[in-house]
């Protein structure tokens, strides 16, 4: 009976470690999703800034063409 209790104790400890490991894995997965999302936002922002630069250059050219 003592060995059975010891086995159950080992089993509970292993289950707890597995649950902690799974939680940690979920956190890392969420971090990867966030990093991917940040990269997408960065690309959109850089594209937006580039289009604004092109628009400003176009307007500057238009002004200098009138004079």
N, C-alpha and C. Protein backbone atom coordinates (compact mmCIF):
# COMPACT_ATOMS: atom_id res chain seq x y z
N UNK A 1 0.82 -1.20 0.00
CA UNK A 1 0.00 0.00 0.00
C UNK A 1 0.86 1.25 0.00
N UNK A 2 1.97 1.21 0.71
CA UNK A 2 2.87 2.36 0.77
C UNK A 2 3.44 2.65 -0.62
N UNK A 3 3.80 1.63 -1.36
CA UNK A 3 4.32 1.83 -2.71
C UNK A 3 3.26 2.43 -3.63
N UNK A 4 2.01 2.02 -3.43
CA UNK A 4 0.93 2.55 -4.25
C UNK A 4 0.78 4.06 -4.01
N UNK A 5 0.84 4.49 -2.75
CA UNK A 5 0.74 5.93 -2.42
C UNK A 5 1.93 6.68 -3.02
N UNK A 6 3.08 6.08 -2.95
CA UNK A 6 4.28 6.70 -3.53
C UNK A 6 4.13 6.85 -5.04
N UNK A 7 3.60 5.82 -5.69
CA UNK A 7 3.37 5.87 -7.13
C UNK A 7 2.37 6.97 -7.48
N UNK A 8 1.30 7.09 -6.71
CA UNK A 8 0.31 8.15 -6.95
C UNK A 8 0.94 9.54 -6.76
N UNK A 9 1.80 9.65 -5.76
CA UNK A 9 2.49 10.92 -5.52
C UNK A 9 3.39 11.27 -6.72
N UNK A 10 4.11 10.28 -7.21
CA UNK A 10 4.95 10.51 -8.39
C UNK A 10 4.11 10.89 -9.61
N UNK A 11 2.98 10.23 -9.74
CA UNK A 11 2.08 10.51 -10.85
C UNK A 11 1.54 11.94 -10.78
N UNK A 12 1.13 12.37 -9.60
CA UNK A 12 0.64 13.75 -9.42
C UNK A 12 1.73 14.77 -9.74
N UNK A 13 2.93 14.50 -9.28
CA UNK A 13 4.04 15.41 -9.54
C UNK A 13 4.34 15.49 -11.05
N UNK A 14 4.28 14.35 -11.70
CA UNK A 14 4.53 14.33 -13.15
C UNK A 14 3.43 15.08 -13.89
N UNK A 15 2.19 14.88 -13.48
CA UNK A 15 1.08 15.59 -14.12
C UNK A 15 1.24 17.10 -13.94
N UNK A 16 1.66 17.52 -12.76
CA UNK A 16 1.86 18.94 -12.51
C UNK A 16 2.97 19.50 -13.40
N UNK A 17 4.05 18.76 -13.56
CA UNK A 17 5.14 19.21 -14.44
C UNK A 17 4.68 19.28 -15.89
N UNK A 18 3.89 18.29 -16.31
CA UNK A 18 3.36 18.31 -17.68
C UNK A 18 2.43 19.49 -17.91
N UNK A 19 1.59 19.80 -16.93
CA UNK A 19 0.70 20.95 -17.05
C UNK A 19 1.48 22.26 -17.11
N UNK A 20 2.53 22.35 -16.29
CA UNK A 20 3.36 23.55 -16.32
C UNK A 20 4.08 23.67 -17.67
N UNK A 21 4.54 22.57 -18.18
CA UNK A 21 5.21 22.56 -19.48
C UNK A 21 4.25 22.98 -20.59
N UNK A 22 3.02 22.49 -20.54
CA UNK A 22 2.02 22.86 -21.52
C UNK A 22 1.69 24.35 -21.43
N UNK A 23 1.57 24.86 -20.23
CA UNK A 23 1.32 26.30 -20.05
C UNK A 23 2.45 27.13 -20.64
N UNK A 24 3.67 26.71 -20.38
CA UNK A 24 4.82 27.43 -20.91
C UNK A 24 4.83 27.37 -22.43
N UNK A 25 4.50 26.22 -23.00
CA UNK A 25 4.45 26.08 -24.45
C UNK A 25 3.39 27.01 -25.04
N UNK A 26 2.24 27.12 -24.39
CA UNK A 26 1.19 28.03 -24.86
C UNK A 26 1.65 29.48 -24.81
N UNK A 27 2.38 29.84 -23.77
CA UNK A 27 2.90 31.20 -23.66
C UNK A 27 3.87 31.49 -24.80
N UNK A 28 4.77 30.56 -25.08
CA UNK A 28 5.73 30.77 -26.17
C UNK A 28 5.01 30.84 -27.51
N UNK A 29 3.98 30.04 -27.70
CA UNK A 29 3.22 30.08 -28.94
C UNK A 29 2.55 31.44 -29.11
N UNK A 30 1.99 31.95 -28.03
CA UNK A 30 1.36 33.28 -28.06
C UNK A 30 2.40 34.35 -28.37
N UNK A 31 3.60 34.20 -27.82
CA UNK A 31 4.67 35.15 -28.12
C UNK A 31 5.01 35.13 -29.61
N UNK A 32 5.04 33.95 -30.20
CA UNK A 32 5.31 33.86 -31.64
C UNK A 32 4.21 34.52 -32.46
N UNK A 33 2.96 34.32 -32.05
CA UNK A 33 1.85 34.99 -32.74
C UNK A 33 2.01 36.51 -32.66
N UNK A 34 2.37 37.00 -31.48
CA UNK A 34 2.54 38.44 -31.29
C UNK A 34 3.69 38.96 -32.15
N UNK A 35 4.79 38.24 -32.20
CA UNK A 35 5.92 38.66 -33.03
C UNK A 35 5.53 38.70 -34.51
N UNK A 36 4.78 37.71 -34.97
CA UNK A 36 4.31 37.71 -36.36
C UNK A 36 3.39 38.91 -36.61
N UNK A 37 2.49 39.18 -35.68
CA UNK A 37 1.58 40.30 -35.81
C UNK A 37 2.35 41.62 -35.85
N UNK A 38 3.36 41.74 -34.99
CA UNK A 38 4.17 42.95 -34.98
C UNK A 38 4.88 43.14 -36.31
N UNK A 39 5.36 42.07 -36.90
CA UNK A 39 6.03 42.16 -38.21
C UNK A 39 5.04 42.62 -39.28
N UNK A 40 3.82 42.11 -39.25
CA UNK A 40 2.80 42.53 -40.21
C UNK A 40 2.50 44.02 -40.06
N UNK A 41 2.37 44.48 -38.82
CA UNK A 41 2.10 45.89 -38.56
C UNK A 41 3.26 46.74 -39.05
N UNK A 42 4.47 46.28 -38.81
CA UNK A 42 5.66 47.02 -39.24
C UNK A 42 5.68 47.17 -40.76
N UNK A 43 5.37 46.10 -41.48
CA UNK A 43 5.35 46.16 -42.95
C UNK A 43 4.29 47.15 -43.41
N UNK A 44 3.12 47.11 -42.80
CA UNK A 44 2.07 48.06 -43.16
C UNK A 44 2.50 49.50 -42.89
N UNK A 45 3.13 49.72 -41.76
CA UNK A 45 3.56 51.07 -41.39
C UNK A 45 4.65 51.57 -42.33
N UNK A 46 5.62 50.73 -42.65
CA UNK A 46 6.69 51.12 -43.56
C UNK A 46 6.12 51.42 -44.95
N UNK A 47 5.17 50.61 -45.39
CA UNK A 47 4.52 50.84 -46.68
C UNK A 47 3.78 52.18 -46.66
N UNK A 48 3.09 52.45 -45.56
CA UNK A 48 2.38 53.72 -45.42
C UNK A 48 3.35 54.89 -45.47
N UNK A 49 4.45 54.79 -44.74
CA UNK A 49 5.43 55.88 -44.74
C UNK A 49 6.03 56.08 -46.13
N UNK A 50 6.29 55.00 -46.82
CA UNK A 50 6.84 55.10 -48.17
C UNK A 50 5.85 55.78 -49.10
N UNK A 51 4.57 55.44 -48.98
CA UNK A 51 3.56 56.07 -49.84
C UNK A 51 3.43 57.56 -49.50
N UNK A 52 3.57 57.92 -48.23
CA UNK A 52 3.51 59.33 -47.85
C UNK A 52 4.70 60.09 -48.44
N UNK A 53 5.88 59.48 -48.42
CA UNK A 53 7.06 60.11 -49.02
C UNK A 53 6.87 60.33 -50.51
N UNK A 54 6.31 59.33 -51.18
CA UNK A 54 6.07 59.45 -52.62
C UNK A 54 5.06 60.57 -52.88
N UNK A 55 4.01 60.64 -52.07
CA UNK A 55 3.00 61.68 -52.22
C UNK A 55 3.61 63.07 -52.01
N UNK A 56 4.45 63.20 -50.99
CA UNK A 56 5.10 64.50 -50.73
C UNK A 56 6.02 64.89 -51.88
N UNK A 57 6.77 63.93 -52.41
CA UNK A 57 7.64 64.22 -53.55
C UNK A 57 6.81 64.64 -54.76
N UNK A 58 5.68 63.99 -54.96
CA UNK A 58 4.81 64.34 -56.07
C UNK A 58 4.30 65.77 -55.91
N UNK A 59 3.86 66.12 -54.70
CA UNK A 59 3.35 67.47 -54.45
C UNK A 59 4.46 68.50 -54.61
N UNK A 60 5.66 68.18 -54.15
CA UNK A 60 6.78 69.11 -54.29
C UNK A 60 7.11 69.31 -55.77
N UNK A 61 7.06 68.26 -56.54
CA UNK A 61 7.32 68.35 -57.98
C UNK A 61 6.26 69.20 -58.66
N UNK A 62 5.03 69.04 -58.24
CA UNK A 62 3.92 69.79 -58.81
C UNK A 62 4.10 71.28 -58.54
N UNK A 63 4.54 71.62 -57.33
CA UNK A 63 4.75 73.02 -56.97
C UNK A 63 5.89 73.60 -57.77
N UNK A 64 6.98 72.87 -57.94
CA UNK A 64 8.13 73.39 -58.66
C UNK A 64 7.85 73.46 -60.16
N UNK A 65 6.93 72.63 -60.67
CA UNK A 65 6.57 72.68 -62.08
C UNK A 65 5.77 73.91 -62.41
N UNK A 66 4.99 74.45 -61.45
CA UNK A 66 4.16 75.62 -61.69
C UNK A 66 4.98 76.89 -61.80
N UNK A 67 6.14 76.94 -61.19
CA UNK A 67 6.94 78.18 -61.21
C UNK A 67 7.81 78.29 -62.40
